[in-house]
Amino acid sequence: IRRKPLKQEIETYVTMAGVVIMVVLMLAVTWNDIMRLFF
């Protein structure tokens, strides 16, 4: 028996996925800028 409603759990997963996507995008942009500076 879960005390946490499923909707809240799904919302948590969606939020975590969004944060991960944002971090990956920031890393990709930063990597591109660094490569452009050195090459």
PDB file of N, CA and C in Angstrom:
ATOM      1  N   ILE A   1       0.862  -1.195   0.000  1.00  0.00           N
ATOM      2  CA  ILE A   1       0.000   0.000   0.000  1.00  0.00           C
ATOM      3  C   ILE A   1       0.895   1.241   0.000  1.00  0.00           C
ATOM      4  N   ARG A   2       0.691   2.093  -0.968  1.00  0.00           N
ATOM      5  CA  ARG A   2       1.473   3.326  -1.044  1.00  0.00           C
ATOM      6  C   ARG A   2       0.700   4.474  -0.428  1.00  0.00           C
ATOM      7  N   ARG A   3       1.392   5.292   0.330  1.00  0.00           N
ATOM      8  CA  ARG A   3       0.742   6.483   0.871  1.00  0.00           C
ATOM      9  C   ARG A   3       0.818   7.628  -0.120  1.00  0.00           C
ATOM     10  N   LYS A   4       1.864   7.618  -0.960  1.00  0.00           N
ATOM     11  CA  LYS A   4       2.025   8.704  -1.927  1.00  0.00           C
ATOM     12  C   LYS A   4       1.117   8.462  -3.132  1.00  0.00           C
ATOM     13  N   PRO A   5       0.359   9.445  -3.549  1.00  0.00           N
ATOM     14  CA  PRO A   5      -0.468   9.252  -4.746  1.00  0.00           C
ATOM     15  C   PRO A   5       0.397   9.113  -5.989  1.00  0.00           C
ATOM     16  N   LEU A   6      -0.105   8.367  -6.969  1.00  0.00           N
ATOM     17  CA  LEU A   6       0.668   8.081  -8.173  1.00  0.00           C
ATOM     18  C   LEU A   6       0.948   9.350  -8.957  1.00  0.00           C
ATOM     19  N   LYS A   7      -0.008  10.277  -8.957  1.00  0.00           N
ATOM     20  CA  LYS A   7       0.170  11.498  -9.732  1.00  0.00           C
ATOM     21  C   LYS A   7       1.394  12.282  -9.247  1.00  0.00           C
ATOM     22  N   GLN A   8       1.567  12.373  -7.936  1.00  0.00           N
ATOM     23  CA  GLN A   8       2.725  13.086  -7.385  1.00  0.00           C
ATOM     24  C   GLN A   8       4.019  12.388  -7.792  1.00  0.00           C
ATOM     25  N   GLU A   9       3.999  11.057  -7.778  1.00  0.00           N
ATOM     26  CA  GLU A   9       5.193  10.299  -8.152  1.00  0.00           C
ATOM     27  C   GLU A   9       5.542  10.543  -9.617  1.00  0.00           C
ATOM     28  N   ILE A  10       4.536  10.527 -10.482  1.00  0.00           N
ATOM     29  CA  ILE A  10       4.770  10.792 -11.907  1.00  0.00           C
ATOM     30  C   ILE A  10       5.302  12.208 -12.093  1.00  0.00           C
ATOM     31  N   GLU A  11       4.733  13.158 -11.369  1.00  0.00           N
ATOM     32  CA  GLU A  11       5.191  14.548 -11.479  1.00  0.00           C
ATOM     33  C   GLU A  11       6.658  14.667 -11.063  1.00  0.00           C
ATOM     34  N   THR A  12       7.042  13.927 -10.021  1.00  0.00           N
ATOM     35  CA  THR A  12       8.441  13.946  -9.581  1.00  0.00           C
ATOM     36  C   THR A  12       9.356  13.408 -10.668  1.00  0.00           C
ATOM     37  N   TYR A  13       8.958  12.296 -11.306  1.00  0.00           N
ATOM     38  CA  TYR A  13       9.785  11.728 -12.376  1.00  0.00           C
ATOM     39  C   TYR A  13       9.908  12.686 -13.549  1.00  0.00           C
ATOM     40  N   VAL A  14       8.792  13.328 -13.918  1.00  0.00           N
ATOM     41  CA  VAL A  14       8.818  14.265 -15.040  1.00  0.00           C
ATOM     42  C   VAL A  14       9.734  15.440 -14.721  1.00  0.00           C
ATOM     43  N   THR A  15       9.661  15.942 -13.489  1.00  0.00           N
ATOM     44  CA  THR A  15      10.519  17.063 -13.094  1.00  0.00           C
ATOM     45  C   THR A  15      11.990  16.657 -13.141  1.00  0.00           C
ATOM     46  N   MET A  16      12.311  15.468 -12.630  1.00  0.00           N
ATOM     47  CA  MET A  16      13.696  15.001 -12.665  1.00  0.00           C
ATOM     48  C   MET A  16      14.183  14.851 -14.102  1.00  0.00           C
ATOM     49  N   ALA A  17      13.331  14.323 -14.979  1.00  0.00           N
ATOM     50  CA  ALA A  17      13.709  14.166 -16.386  1.00  0.00           C
ATOM     51  C   ALA A  17      13.974  15.529 -17.010  1.00  0.00           C
ATOM     52  N   GLY A  18      13.143  16.523 -16.696  1.00  0.00           N
ATOM     53  CA  GLY A  18      13.351  17.867 -17.228  1.00  0.00           C
ATOM     54  C   GLY A  18      14.659  18.466 -16.753  1.00  0.00           C
ATOM     55  N   VAL A  19      14.992  18.270 -15.481  1.00  0.00           N
ATOM     56  CA  VAL A  19      16.253  18.798 -14.950  1.00  0.00           C
ATOM     57  C   VAL A  19      17.434  18.135 -15.652  1.00  0.00           C
ATOM     58  N   VAL A  20      17.352  16.824 -15.855  1.00  0.00           N
ATOM     59  CA  VAL A  20      18.437  16.103 -16.535  1.00  0.00           C
ATOM     60  C   VAL A  20      18.612  16.635 -17.954  1.00  0.00           C
ATOM     61  N   ILE A  21      17.497  16.857 -18.666  1.00  0.00           N
ATOM     62  CA  ILE A  21      17.579  17.381 -20.036  1.00  0.00           C
ATOM     63  C   ILE A  21      18.229  18.758 -20.039  1.00  0.00           C
ATOM     64  N   MET A  22      17.848  19.608 -19.079  1.00  0.00           N
ATOM     65  CA  MET A  22      18.439  20.951 -19.017  1.00  0.00           C
ATOM     66  C   MET A  22      19.948  20.877 -18.779  1.00  0.00           C
ATOM     67  N   VAL A  23      20.379  19.990 -17.865  1.00  0.00           N
ATOM     68  CA  VAL A  23      21.807  19.863 -17.568  1.00  0.00           C
ATOM     69  C   VAL A  23      22.558  19.367 -18.798  1.00  0.00           C
ATOM     70  N   VAL A  24      21.988  18.390 -19.512  1.00  0.00           N
ATOM     71  CA  VAL A  24      22.640  17.867 -20.719  1.00  0.00           C
ATOM     72  C   VAL A  24      22.765  18.968 -21.764  1.00  0.00           C
ATOM     73  N   LEU A  25      21.715  19.770 -21.926  1.00  0.00           N
ATOM     74  CA  LEU A  25      21.780  20.864 -22.903  1.00  0.00           C
ATOM     75  C   LEU A  25      22.852  21.876 -22.517  1.00  0.00           C
ATOM     76  N   MET A  26      22.922  22.221 -21.227  1.00  0.00           N
ATOM     77  CA  MET A  26      23.939  23.186 -20.793  1.00  0.00           C
ATOM     78  C   MET A  26      25.340  22.631 -21.032  1.00  0.00           C
ATOM     79  N   LEU A  27      25.548  21.344 -20.737  1.00  0.00           N
ATOM     80  CA  LEU A  27      26.858  20.742 -20.969  1.00  0.00           C
ATOM     81  C   LEU A  27      27.196  20.741 -22.455  1.00  0.00           C
ATOM     82  N   ALA A  28      26.218  20.452 -23.316  1.00  0.00           N
ATOM     83  CA  ALA A  28      26.471  20.429 -24.758  1.00  0.00           C
ATOM     84  C   ALA A  28      26.850  21.819 -25.259  1.00  0.00           C
ATOM     85  N   VAL A  29      26.131  22.847 -24.803  1.00  0.00           N
ATOM     86  CA  VAL A  29      26.436  24.213 -25.240  1.00  0.00           C
ATOM     87  C   VAL A  29      27.816  24.631 -24.746  1.00  0.00           C
ATOM     88  N   THR A  30      28.121  24.320 -23.486  1.00  0.00           N
ATOM     89  CA  THR A  30      29.430  24.668 -22.931  1.00  0.00           C
ATOM     90  C   THR A  30      30.540  23.951 -23.694  1.00  0.00           C
ATOM     91  N   TRP A  31      30.335  22.676 -24.003  1.00  0.00           N
ATOM     92  CA  TRP A  31      31.332  21.906 -24.752  1.00  0.00           C
ATOM     93  C   TRP A  31      31.563  22.529 -26.127  1.00  0.00           C
ATOM     94  N   ASN A  32      30.471  22.920 -26.801  1.00  0.00           N
ATOM     95  CA  ASN A  32      30.616  23.545 -28.120  1.00  0.00           C
ATOM     96  C   ASN A  32      31.398  24.848 -28.018  1.00  0.00           C
ATOM     97  N   ASP A  33      31.124  25.652 -27.001  1.00  0.00           N
ATOM     98  CA  ASP A  33      31.850  26.917 -26.833  1.00  0.00           C
ATOM     99  C   ASP A  33      33.337  26.659 -26.586  1.00  0.00           C
ATOM    100  N   ILE A  34      33.658  25.681 -25.746  1.00  0.00           N
ATOM    101  CA  ILE A  34      35.062  25.371 -25.461  1.00  0.00           C
ATOM    102  C   ILE A  34      35.765  24.890 -26.728  1.00  0.00           C
ATOM    103  N   MET A  35      35.106  24.034 -27.491  1.00  0.00           N
ATOM    104  CA  MET A  35      35.717  23.538 -28.730  1.00  0.00           C
ATOM    105  C   MET A  35      35.940  24.684 -29.714  1.00  0.00           C
ATOM    106  N   ARG A  36      34.990  25.639 -29.750  1.00  0.00           N
ATOM    107  CA  ARG A  36      35.135  26.771 -30.658  1.00  0.00           C
ATOM    108  C   ARG A  36      36.295  27.662 -30.213  1.00  0.00           C
ATOM    109  N   LEU A  37      36.518  27.791 -28.912  1.00  0.00           N
ATOM    110  CA  LEU A  37      37.620  28.622 -28.423  1.00  0.00           C
ATOM    111  C   LEU A  37      38.970  28.014 -28.786  1.00  0.00           C
ATOM    112  N   PHE A  38      39.092  26.686 -28.677  1.00  0.00           N
ATOM    113  CA  PHE A  38      40.397  26.059 -28.861  1.00  0.00           C
ATOM    114  C   PHE A  38      40.693  25.708 -30.310  1.00  0.00           C
ATOM    115  N   PHE A  39      39.627  25.548 -31.140  1.00  0.00           N
ATOM    116  CA  PHE A  39      39.876  25.136 -32.528  1.00  0.00           C
ATOM    117  C   PHE A  39      39.343  26.150 -33.515  1.00  0.00           C
TER     118      PHE A  39
END
